[in-house]
Every structure is written in structure tokens, then in C-alpha cells.
């Protein structure tokens, strides 16, 4: 069974007052009404309510000499504050003091060359360019070759025999 919160009926039901239903609470007898919080003219926009609330809190903070930023900094610098809470305080203050890194906007013109060549032709061109680059490179010798005293034969194969050419001649 759905029940209301005491003031409003559950969704879908109309408000009924029976003989046992107490009236909603109002100001206590002998207490002045809260006139400074109640506007005699109804506010039409929610933004107006937000602004009035913000200004009311600001006035109250000024009256009691409260600054939320100083309070957050005090909590962040207190040695008794847990490190996780200190970090949260520092992050909260930093976002107002330091500019956040914005994403980099890249502008310019891109030159695009569309090729209608078949893939096999493009791959063949790439292989020719790669072969030309390989020929332009200096010959490669494995590091430490001098310590092993290995020699390369004419066709490019390495002499892996244990006997040195000088030993075989003796």
C-alpha cells in the first residue's frame, strides 16, 4: 500500500481530509511569521528563486564573516585531515585558481591527393621505394663481431667454422 509523506497524497490519489487527519503544521502560536523569507508576490521563474537564495546566503556569510574558500583551505592544511579529504580540498580550490588545460584546436588546410590506382600497383610502388631506401643504407654488421673474430665470405655468408683461415694454412 502506498502512503504519502503526511502533506501530499501518493501519486494518482486526490487529497482528502477526514475527521482524523491533522491539518498541516504552521507557525507555532505566539511565534512571528517568517516574513523576510516569504515574498508577498509569487516568483514566476526558478532562476529568480535561485538568485534570491544565493544573495541571502552571501549576505548571511558576510554578516558572520564566513568565507567558504578560506574554510576549505583551512581544512586542506590541517594535519588532522585525512589525505583523501585534503586532496579533494586542494582540487576544489585549484579549479578556481588555475586555468584548466583546454583541448588544442587545430586549424589549417589539408592537402589530399586521391589516387585511383589499384592496390596492387600502390604496393608495387611502395616496394620499389623501400628497396631503394635499403640500398642507400650502410652495410650492417652485428655488434660484437670483432670480439668473435668472424669473417664474412664473398657471397655475404658469415664464416661460422671454428678454425680460423690462418690456422688452416699452417
N, C-alpha and C. Protein backbone atom coordinates (compact mmCIF):
# COMPACT_ATOMS: atom_id res chain seq x y z
N UNK A 1 0.84 -1.17 0.00
CA UNK A 1 0.00 0.00 0.00
C UNK A 1 0.89 1.24 0.00
N UNK A 2 0.61 2.15 -0.89
CA UNK A 2 1.41 3.37 -0.99
C UNK A 2 0.87 4.40 -0.01
N UNK A 3 1.78 5.06 0.65
CA UNK A 3 1.37 6.11 1.59
C UNK A 3 2.05 7.39 1.20
N UNK A 4 1.48 8.49 1.60
CA UNK A 4 2.05 9.79 1.30
C UNK A 4 3.05 10.19 2.37
N UNK A 5 3.55 11.40 2.27
CA UNK A 5 4.52 11.88 3.23
C UNK A 5 3.87 12.68 4.36
N UNK A 6 2.57 12.64 4.46
CA UNK A 6 1.87 13.35 5.51
C UNK A 6 1.28 14.66 5.02
N UNK A 7 1.88 15.24 3.99
CA UNK A 7 1.40 16.50 3.45
C UNK A 7 0.77 16.32 2.09
N UNK A 8 1.36 15.45 1.29
CA UNK A 8 0.84 15.22 -0.05
C UNK A 8 0.40 13.76 -0.17
N UNK A 9 -0.67 13.53 -0.89
CA UNK A 9 -1.09 12.14 -1.08
C UNK A 9 -0.17 11.45 -2.08
N UNK A 10 -0.17 10.11 -2.09
CA UNK A 10 0.63 9.40 -3.07
C UNK A 10 0.18 9.77 -4.48
N UNK A 11 1.05 9.51 -5.46
CA UNK A 11 0.73 9.84 -6.84
C UNK A 11 -0.56 9.15 -7.27
N UNK A 12 -1.33 9.86 -8.01
CA UNK A 12 -2.56 9.29 -8.55
C UNK A 12 -3.75 9.39 -7.62
N UNK A 13 -3.59 9.86 -6.40
CA UNK A 13 -4.70 9.98 -5.47
C UNK A 13 -4.98 11.45 -5.18
N UNK A 14 -6.22 11.75 -4.95
CA UNK A 14 -6.60 13.12 -4.60
C UNK A 14 -6.46 13.30 -3.10
N UNK A 15 -6.23 14.54 -2.71
CA UNK A 15 -6.06 14.85 -1.30
C UNK A 15 -7.43 14.84 -0.62
N UNK A 16 -7.54 14.07 0.44
CA UNK A 16 -8.79 14.00 1.20
C UNK A 16 -8.49 14.29 2.65
N UNK A 17 -9.36 14.99 3.27
CA UNK A 17 -9.22 15.24 4.70
C UNK A 17 -10.37 14.59 5.41
N UNK A 18 -10.04 13.68 6.24
CA UNK A 18 -11.07 13.02 7.03
C UNK A 18 -11.12 13.62 8.42
N UNK A 19 -11.99 13.08 9.27
CA UNK A 19 -12.10 13.63 10.61
C UNK A 19 -10.86 13.41 11.45
N UNK A 20 -10.01 12.39 11.14
CA UNK A 20 -8.83 12.12 11.96
C UNK A 20 -7.55 12.71 11.39
N UNK A 21 -7.61 13.39 10.24
CA UNK A 21 -6.41 13.92 9.61
C UNK A 21 -6.07 15.27 10.21
N UNK A 22 -4.86 15.40 10.77
CA UNK A 22 -4.49 16.71 11.35
C UNK A 22 -4.18 17.71 10.25
N UNK A 23 -4.38 18.98 10.51
CA UNK A 23 -4.04 19.99 9.50
C UNK A 23 -2.52 20.08 9.35
N UNK A 24 -2.03 20.55 8.21
CA UNK A 24 -0.59 20.67 8.05
C UNK A 24 -0.03 21.66 9.07
N UNK A 25 1.24 21.44 9.49
CA UNK A 25 1.80 22.31 10.52
C UNK A 25 2.01 23.72 9.99
N UNK A 26 1.86 24.68 10.84
CA UNK A 26 2.08 26.09 10.50
C UNK A 26 2.97 26.69 11.56
N UNK A 27 3.10 28.00 11.59
CA UNK A 27 3.93 28.60 12.64
C UNK A 27 3.32 28.32 14.00
N UNK A 28 4.19 28.11 14.96
CA UNK A 28 3.72 27.83 16.32
C UNK A 28 2.99 29.06 16.85
N UNK A 29 1.99 28.86 17.72
CA UNK A 29 1.27 30.01 18.27
C UNK A 29 2.20 30.90 19.07
N UNK A 30 2.08 32.19 18.85
CA UNK A 30 2.90 33.16 19.55
C UNK A 30 4.22 33.44 18.86
N UNK A 31 4.54 32.71 17.77
CA UNK A 31 5.78 32.92 17.03
C UNK A 31 5.48 33.82 15.83
N UNK A 32 6.35 34.81 15.57
CA UNK A 32 6.09 35.67 14.42
C UNK A 32 6.29 34.89 13.12
N UNK A 33 5.51 35.19 12.09
CA UNK A 33 5.69 34.50 10.81
C UNK A 33 7.03 34.88 10.18
N UNK A 34 7.52 34.04 9.33
CA UNK A 34 8.80 34.27 8.67
C UNK A 34 8.58 35.19 7.47
N UNK A 35 8.38 36.46 7.74
CA UNK A 35 8.04 37.39 6.68
C UNK A 35 9.21 37.70 5.77
N UNK A 36 10.44 37.69 6.29
CA UNK A 36 11.57 38.04 5.42
C UNK A 36 11.91 36.92 4.44
N UNK A 37 11.40 35.71 4.68
CA UNK A 37 11.63 34.62 3.74
C UNK A 37 10.48 34.47 2.75
N UNK A 38 9.35 35.02 3.07
CA UNK A 38 8.18 34.86 2.21
C UNK A 38 8.00 36.15 1.40
N UNK A 39 7.97 36.00 0.10
CA UNK A 39 7.76 37.13 -0.78
C UNK A 39 6.26 37.33 -0.96
N UNK A 40 5.75 38.55 -0.76
CA UNK A 40 4.31 38.75 -0.93
C UNK A 40 3.87 38.52 -2.38
N UNK A 41 4.76 38.73 -3.32
CA UNK A 41 4.42 38.46 -4.72
C UNK A 41 5.01 37.11 -5.12
N UNK A 42 4.24 36.23 -5.72
CA UNK A 42 4.79 34.93 -6.10
C UNK A 42 5.86 35.08 -7.18
N UNK A 43 6.90 34.27 -7.06
CA UNK A 43 8.01 34.30 -8.03
C UNK A 43 7.62 33.40 -9.19
N UNK A 44 7.82 33.90 -10.39
CA UNK A 44 7.39 33.18 -11.58
C UNK A 44 8.48 32.24 -12.12
N UNK A 45 9.73 32.60 -11.90
CA UNK A 45 10.80 31.81 -12.50
C UNK A 45 11.68 31.17 -11.43
N UNK A 46 12.14 29.96 -11.71
CA UNK A 46 13.00 29.24 -10.78
C UNK A 46 14.35 29.95 -10.63
N UNK A 47 14.85 30.55 -11.70
CA UNK A 47 16.12 31.27 -11.65
C UNK A 47 16.05 32.42 -10.65
N UNK A 48 14.89 33.06 -10.54
CA UNK A 48 14.75 34.15 -9.58
C UNK A 48 14.88 33.62 -8.15
N UNK A 49 14.30 32.45 -7.89
CA UNK A 49 14.41 31.83 -6.56
C UNK A 49 15.87 31.51 -6.27
N UNK A 50 16.55 30.94 -7.24
CA UNK A 50 17.96 30.61 -7.05
C UNK A 50 18.79 31.86 -6.74
N UNK A 51 18.54 32.93 -7.46
CA UNK A 51 19.30 34.16 -7.25
C UNK A 51 19.03 34.75 -5.87
N UNK A 52 17.76 34.73 -5.44
CA UNK A 52 17.43 35.25 -4.11
C UNK A 52 18.10 34.40 -3.03
N UNK A 53 18.11 33.10 -3.22
CA UNK A 53 18.75 32.21 -2.26
C UNK A 53 20.25 32.48 -2.21
N UNK A 54 20.88 32.61 -3.36
CA UNK A 54 22.31 32.89 -3.41
C UNK A 54 22.65 34.21 -2.72
N UNK A 55 21.87 35.24 -2.99
CA UNK A 55 22.12 36.54 -2.37
C UNK A 55 21.89 36.49 -0.86
N UNK A 56 20.88 35.72 -0.43
CA UNK A 56 20.62 35.58 1.00
C UNK A 56 21.77 34.90 1.72
N UNK A 57 22.30 33.85 1.10
CA UNK A 57 23.45 33.14 1.70
C UNK A 57 24.67 34.04 1.71
N UNK A 58 24.86 34.81 0.65
CA UNK A 58 26.00 35.72 0.59
C UNK A 58 25.92 36.79 1.68
N UNK A 59 24.75 37.35 1.88
CA UNK A 59 24.57 38.36 2.93
C UNK A 59 24.82 37.75 4.31
N UNK A 60 24.29 36.56 4.54
CA UNK A 60 24.47 35.89 5.82
C UNK A 60 25.95 35.58 6.05
N UNK A 61 26.64 35.10 5.01
CA UNK A 61 28.07 34.80 5.13
C UNK A 61 28.87 36.04 5.47
N UNK A 62 28.51 37.16 4.83
CA UNK A 62 29.20 38.41 5.14
C UNK A 62 28.95 38.84 6.58
N UNK A 63 27.72 38.64 7.05
CA UNK A 63 27.37 39.07 8.41
C UNK A 63 28.16 38.29 9.47
N UNK A 64 28.39 37.00 9.24
CA UNK A 64 29.12 36.20 10.24
C UNK A 64 30.60 36.07 9.87
N UNK A 65 31.03 36.79 8.85
CA UNK A 65 32.41 36.80 8.39
C UNK A 65 32.90 35.39 8.02
N UNK A 66 32.10 34.71 7.20
CA UNK A 66 32.41 33.36 6.74
C UNK A 66 32.82 33.41 5.28
N UNK A 67 33.96 32.78 4.96
CA UNK A 67 34.42 32.68 3.59
C UNK A 67 34.63 31.20 3.30
N UNK A 68 33.85 30.61 2.40
CA UNK A 68 33.98 29.16 2.15
C UNK A 68 35.35 28.78 1.62
N UNK A 69 36.00 29.65 0.85
CA UNK A 69 37.31 29.30 0.31
C UNK A 69 38.34 29.23 1.42
N UNK A 70 38.27 30.16 2.36
CA UNK A 70 39.20 30.10 3.49
C UNK A 70 38.93 28.86 4.33
N UNK A 71 37.68 28.49 4.47
CA UNK A 71 37.35 27.29 5.25
C UNK A 71 37.89 26.03 4.57
N UNK A 72 37.77 25.95 3.24
CA UNK A 72 38.28 24.78 2.52
C UNK A 72 39.80 24.72 2.62
N UNK A 73 40.44 25.87 2.50
CA UNK A 73 41.91 25.91 2.61
C UNK A 73 42.34 25.51 4.02
N UNK A 74 41.62 25.96 5.03
CA UNK A 74 41.95 25.59 6.41
C UNK A 74 41.84 24.09 6.61
N UNK A 75 40.79 23.48 6.07
CA UNK A 75 40.61 22.03 6.18
C UNK A 75 41.74 21.32 5.43
N UNK A 76 42.10 21.82 4.25
CA UNK A 76 43.14 21.18 3.45
C UNK A 76 44.50 21.22 4.13
N UNK A 77 44.77 22.27 4.89
CA UNK A 77 46.09 22.42 5.52
C UNK A 77 46.15 21.85 6.93
N UNK A 78 45.03 21.40 7.47
CA UNK A 78 45.00 20.84 8.81
C UNK A 78 45.66 19.47 8.81
N UNK A 79 46.57 19.23 9.71
CA UNK A 79 47.30 17.96 9.77
C UNK A 79 46.39 16.79 10.16
N UNK A 80 45.29 17.08 10.84
CA UNK A 80 44.37 16.02 11.27
C UNK A 80 43.46 15.55 10.15
N UNK A 81 43.38 16.28 9.06
CA UNK A 81 42.50 15.92 7.95
C UNK A 81 43.09 14.73 7.20
N UNK A 82 42.28 13.73 6.87
CA UNK A 82 42.79 12.59 6.10
C UNK A 82 43.32 13.05 4.73
N UNK A 83 44.33 12.37 4.21
CA UNK A 83 44.93 12.79 2.93
C UNK A 83 43.93 12.83 1.78
N UNK A 84 42.98 11.91 1.73
CA UNK A 84 42.00 11.91 0.64
C UNK A 84 41.14 13.17 0.67
N UNK A 85 40.76 13.61 1.87
CA UNK A 85 39.96 14.83 2.00
C UNK A 85 40.82 16.05 1.66
N UNK A 86 42.08 16.03 2.08
CA UNK A 86 42.98 17.14 1.73
C UNK A 86 43.10 17.27 0.22
N UNK A 87 43.26 16.14 -0.46
CA UNK A 87 43.38 16.17 -1.92
C UNK A 87 42.12 16.75 -2.55
N UNK A 88 40.95 16.35 -2.06
CA UNK A 88 39.69 16.89 -2.59
C UNK A 88 39.61 18.40 -2.37
N UNK A 89 40.04 18.86 -1.22
CA UNK A 89 40.04 20.31 -0.94
C UNK A 89 40.97 21.05 -1.90
N UNK A 90 42.17 20.50 -2.09
CA UNK A 90 43.12 21.14 -2.99
C UNK A 90 42.58 21.18 -4.43
N UNK A 91 41.96 20.08 -4.85
CA UNK A 91 41.39 20.05 -6.21
C UNK A 91 40.28 21.08 -6.36
N UNK A 92 39.45 21.22 -5.34
CA UNK A 92 38.34 22.18 -5.41
C UNK A 92 38.86 23.61 -5.52
N UNK A 93 39.86 23.95 -4.73
CA UNK A 93 40.41 25.31 -4.77
C UNK A 93 41.18 25.53 -6.08
N UNK A 94 41.93 24.53 -6.51
CA UNK A 94 42.77 24.69 -7.71
C UNK A 94 41.95 24.98 -8.95
N UNK A 95 40.75 24.42 -9.04
CA UNK A 95 39.98 24.65 -10.26
C UNK A 95 39.51 26.10 -10.39
N UNK A 96 39.55 26.86 -9.31
CA UNK A 96 39.20 28.27 -9.38
C UNK A 96 40.43 29.16 -9.52
N UNK A 97 41.59 28.65 -9.14
CA UNK A 97 42.80 29.45 -9.18
C UNK A 97 43.61 29.24 -10.46
N UNK A 98 43.63 28.00 -10.96
CA UNK A 98 44.46 27.67 -12.11
C UNK A 98 43.56 27.34 -13.31
N UNK A 99 43.93 27.83 -14.48
CA UNK A 99 43.11 27.51 -15.64
C UNK A 99 43.28 26.04 -16.02
N UNK A 100 42.19 25.44 -16.42
CA UNK A 100 42.26 24.05 -16.87
C UNK A 100 42.83 24.03 -18.28
N UNK A 101 43.49 22.95 -18.62
CA UNK A 101 44.04 22.83 -19.96
C UNK A 101 42.90 22.59 -20.94
N UNK A 102 42.83 23.41 -21.92
CA UNK A 102 41.79 23.26 -22.93
C UNK A 102 42.31 22.38 -24.06
N UNK A 103 41.41 21.79 -24.77
CA UNK A 103 41.83 20.99 -25.90
C UNK A 103 42.39 21.92 -26.97
N UNK A 104 43.34 21.42 -27.69
CA UNK A 104 44.01 22.23 -28.70
C UNK A 104 43.18 22.21 -29.97
N UNK A 105 42.92 23.39 -30.47
CA UNK A 105 42.15 23.49 -31.70
C UNK A 105 43.14 23.60 -32.85
N UNK A 106 43.05 22.69 -33.78
CA UNK A 106 43.95 22.67 -34.91
C UNK A 106 43.21 23.20 -36.12
N UNK A 107 43.79 24.21 -36.72
CA UNK A 107 43.18 24.79 -37.91
C UNK A 107 44.19 24.74 -39.03
N UNK A 108 43.71 24.64 -40.22
CA UNK A 108 44.59 24.65 -41.38
C UNK A 108 43.94 23.91 -42.51
N UNK A 109 44.66 23.90 -43.61
CA UNK A 109 44.15 23.20 -44.78
C UNK A 109 44.90 21.89 -44.93
N UNK A 110 44.18 20.89 -45.34
CA UNK A 110 44.77 19.58 -45.56
C UNK A 110 44.77 19.33 -47.06
N UNK A 111 45.95 18.99 -47.56
CA UNK A 111 46.05 18.70 -48.98
C UNK A 111 45.84 17.21 -49.14
N UNK A 112 44.85 16.85 -49.89
CA UNK A 112 44.51 15.44 -50.04
C UNK A 112 44.64 15.06 -51.51
N UNK A 113 45.39 14.01 -51.76
CA UNK A 113 45.53 13.51 -53.13
C UNK A 113 44.84 12.16 -53.19
N UNK A 114 43.82 12.11 -53.95
CA UNK A 114 43.08 10.86 -54.09
C UNK A 114 43.64 10.09 -55.26
N UNK A 115 43.99 8.85 -55.01
CA UNK A 115 44.56 8.01 -56.06
C UNK A 115 43.54 6.96 -56.46
N UNK A 116 43.45 6.74 -57.76
CA UNK A 116 42.50 5.74 -58.25
C UNK A 116 43.24 4.49 -58.72
N UNK A 117 44.55 4.39 -58.37
CA UNK A 117 45.32 3.22 -58.76
C UNK A 117 44.87 2.01 -57.96
N UNK A 118 44.94 0.84 -58.56
CA UNK A 118 44.60 -0.38 -57.82
C UNK A 118 45.60 -0.62 -56.69
N UNK A 119 45.19 -1.36 -55.71
CA UNK A 119 46.02 -1.62 -54.54
C UNK A 119 47.32 -2.32 -54.92
N UNK A 120 47.29 -3.23 -55.88
CA UNK A 120 48.49 -3.95 -56.28
C UNK A 120 49.54 -3.00 -56.84
N UNK A 121 49.11 -1.98 -57.59
CA UNK A 121 50.05 -1.00 -58.16
C UNK A 121 50.67 -0.17 -57.04
N UNK A 122 49.85 0.25 -56.06
CA UNK A 122 50.36 1.04 -54.94
C UNK A 122 51.37 0.25 -54.12
N UNK A 123 51.09 -1.02 -53.89
CA UNK A 123 52.02 -1.87 -53.12
C UNK A 123 53.32 -2.06 -53.90
N UNK A 124 53.24 -2.22 -55.21
CA UNK A 124 54.45 -2.38 -56.03
C UNK A 124 55.30 -1.11 -55.96
N UNK A 125 54.67 0.06 -56.02
CA UNK A 125 55.41 1.32 -55.90
C UNK A 125 56.08 1.42 -54.53
N UNK A 126 55.35 1.01 -53.49
CA UNK A 126 55.89 1.07 -52.13
C UNK A 126 57.10 0.15 -52.00
N UNK A 127 57.02 -1.06 -52.59
CA UNK A 127 58.14 -2.00 -52.51
C UNK A 127 59.36 -1.47 -53.24
N UNK A 128 59.18 -0.78 -54.38
CA UNK A 128 60.31 -0.20 -55.11
C UNK A 128 60.96 0.88 -54.27
N UNK A 129 60.16 1.75 -53.65
CA UNK A 129 60.71 2.82 -52.80
C UNK A 129 61.45 2.23 -51.61
N UNK A 130 60.91 1.17 -51.02
CA UNK A 130 61.55 0.53 -49.88
C UNK A 130 62.88 -0.11 -50.28
N UNK A 131 62.94 -0.72 -51.46
CA UNK A 131 64.20 -1.33 -51.93
C UNK A 131 65.25 -0.26 -52.15
N UNK A 132 64.86 0.90 -52.69
CA UNK A 132 65.80 2.00 -52.90
C UNK A 132 66.34 2.52 -51.56
N UNK A 133 65.48 2.59 -50.57
CA UNK A 133 65.92 3.04 -49.24
C UNK A 133 66.89 2.04 -48.62
N UNK A 134 66.62 0.74 -48.80
CA UNK A 134 67.50 -0.29 -48.24
C UNK A 134 68.89 -0.23 -48.89
N UNK A 135 68.96 0.04 -50.20
CA UNK A 135 70.25 0.12 -50.88
C UNK A 135 71.05 1.33 -50.42
N UNK A 136 70.35 2.39 -50.02
CA UNK A 136 71.04 3.60 -49.58
C UNK A 136 71.61 3.47 -48.17
N UNK A 137 71.18 2.47 -47.41
CA UNK A 137 71.66 2.29 -46.04
C UNK A 137 73.07 1.72 -46.04
N UNK A 138 73.90 2.07 -45.07
CA UNK A 138 75.23 1.47 -44.98
C UNK A 138 75.11 0.00 -44.57
N UNK A 139 76.12 -0.82 -44.89
CA UNK A 139 76.03 -2.23 -44.52
C UNK A 139 75.97 -2.40 -43.01
N UNK A 140 75.24 -3.40 -42.58
CA UNK A 140 75.05 -3.63 -41.14
C UNK A 140 75.90 -4.80 -40.70
N UNK A 141 76.61 -4.62 -39.61
CA UNK A 141 77.40 -5.69 -39.02
C UNK A 141 76.89 -5.89 -37.60
N UNK A 142 76.68 -7.12 -37.20
CA UNK A 142 76.19 -7.37 -35.85
C UNK A 142 77.16 -6.81 -34.82
N UNK A 143 76.63 -6.28 -33.72
CA UNK A 143 77.54 -5.75 -32.68
C UNK A 143 78.34 -6.87 -32.04
N UNK A 144 79.56 -6.58 -31.71
CA UNK A 144 80.41 -7.57 -31.05
C UNK A 144 81.07 -8.53 -32.02
N UNK A 145 80.99 -8.26 -33.32
CA UNK A 145 81.56 -9.16 -34.32
C UNK A 145 83.08 -9.25 -34.21
N UNK A 146 83.71 -8.14 -33.86
CA UNK A 146 85.16 -8.14 -33.74
C UNK A 146 85.62 -9.06 -32.61
N UNK A 147 84.87 -9.14 -31.54
CA UNK A 147 85.25 -9.98 -30.40
C UNK A 147 85.16 -11.45 -30.77
N UNK A 148 84.30 -11.82 -31.69
CA UNK A 148 84.15 -13.22 -32.10
C UNK A 148 85.14 -13.59 -33.19
N UNK A 149 85.75 -12.60 -33.80
CA UNK A 149 86.70 -12.81 -34.89
C UNK A 149 86.08 -13.61 -36.02
N UNK A 150 84.90 -13.15 -36.44
CA UNK A 150 84.21 -13.80 -37.56
C UNK A 150 84.50 -13.01 -38.83
N UNK A 151 84.46 -13.69 -39.93
CA UNK A 151 84.74 -13.06 -41.23
C UNK A 151 83.58 -13.34 -42.16
N UNK A 152 83.31 -12.36 -43.02
CA UNK A 152 82.24 -12.53 -43.99
C UNK A 152 82.84 -12.97 -45.31
N UNK A 153 82.28 -14.01 -45.89
CA UNK A 153 82.74 -14.50 -47.18
C UNK A 153 82.20 -13.62 -48.29
N UNK A 154 82.65 -13.88 -49.48
CA UNK A 154 82.27 -13.07 -50.63
C UNK A 154 80.76 -13.03 -50.87
N UNK A 155 80.03 -14.15 -50.89
CA UNK A 155 78.61 -14.05 -51.21
C UNK A 155 77.78 -13.42 -50.09
N UNK A 156 78.37 -13.09 -48.95
CA UNK A 156 77.64 -12.43 -47.87
C UNK A 156 77.38 -13.33 -46.69
N UNK A 157 77.75 -14.61 -46.76
CA UNK A 157 77.55 -15.52 -45.64
C UNK A 157 78.68 -15.35 -44.65
N UNK A 158 78.39 -15.62 -43.42
CA UNK A 158 79.39 -15.48 -42.36
C UNK A 158 80.12 -16.81 -42.15
N UNK A 159 81.40 -16.71 -41.89
CA UNK A 159 82.22 -17.88 -41.62
C UNK A 159 81.97 -18.31 -40.19
N UNK A 160 81.29 -19.44 -40.00
CA UNK A 160 80.93 -19.91 -38.68
C UNK A 160 81.83 -21.07 -38.22
N UNK A 161 82.84 -21.41 -39.01
CA UNK A 161 83.70 -22.52 -38.64
C UNK A 161 84.61 -22.10 -37.50
N UNK A 162 84.98 -23.09 -36.70
CA UNK A 162 85.83 -22.79 -35.56
C UNK A 162 87.27 -22.53 -35.97
N UNK A 163 87.69 -23.16 -37.04
CA UNK A 163 89.07 -22.96 -37.49
C UNK A 163 89.18 -21.63 -38.20
N UNK A 164 90.20 -20.91 -37.83
CA UNK A 164 90.44 -19.64 -38.48
C UNK A 164 91.16 -19.90 -39.79
N UNK A 165 91.03 -19.02 -40.76
CA UNK A 165 91.72 -19.24 -42.04
C UNK A 165 93.24 -19.31 -41.89
N UNK A 166 93.80 -18.58 -40.92
CA UNK A 166 95.25 -18.61 -40.72
C UNK A 166 95.70 -19.97 -40.17
N UNK A 167 94.88 -20.60 -39.31
CA UNK A 167 95.22 -21.90 -38.73
C UNK A 167 95.19 -22.98 -39.78
N UNK A 168 94.30 -22.94 -40.73
CA UNK A 168 94.16 -23.96 -41.75
C UNK A 168 95.37 -23.94 -42.68
N UNK A 169 96.02 -22.79 -42.86
CA UNK A 169 97.15 -22.68 -43.74
C UNK A 169 98.39 -23.30 -43.14
N UNK A 170 98.52 -23.39 -41.84
CA UNK A 170 99.73 -23.93 -41.20
C UNK A 170 99.78 -25.39 -41.20
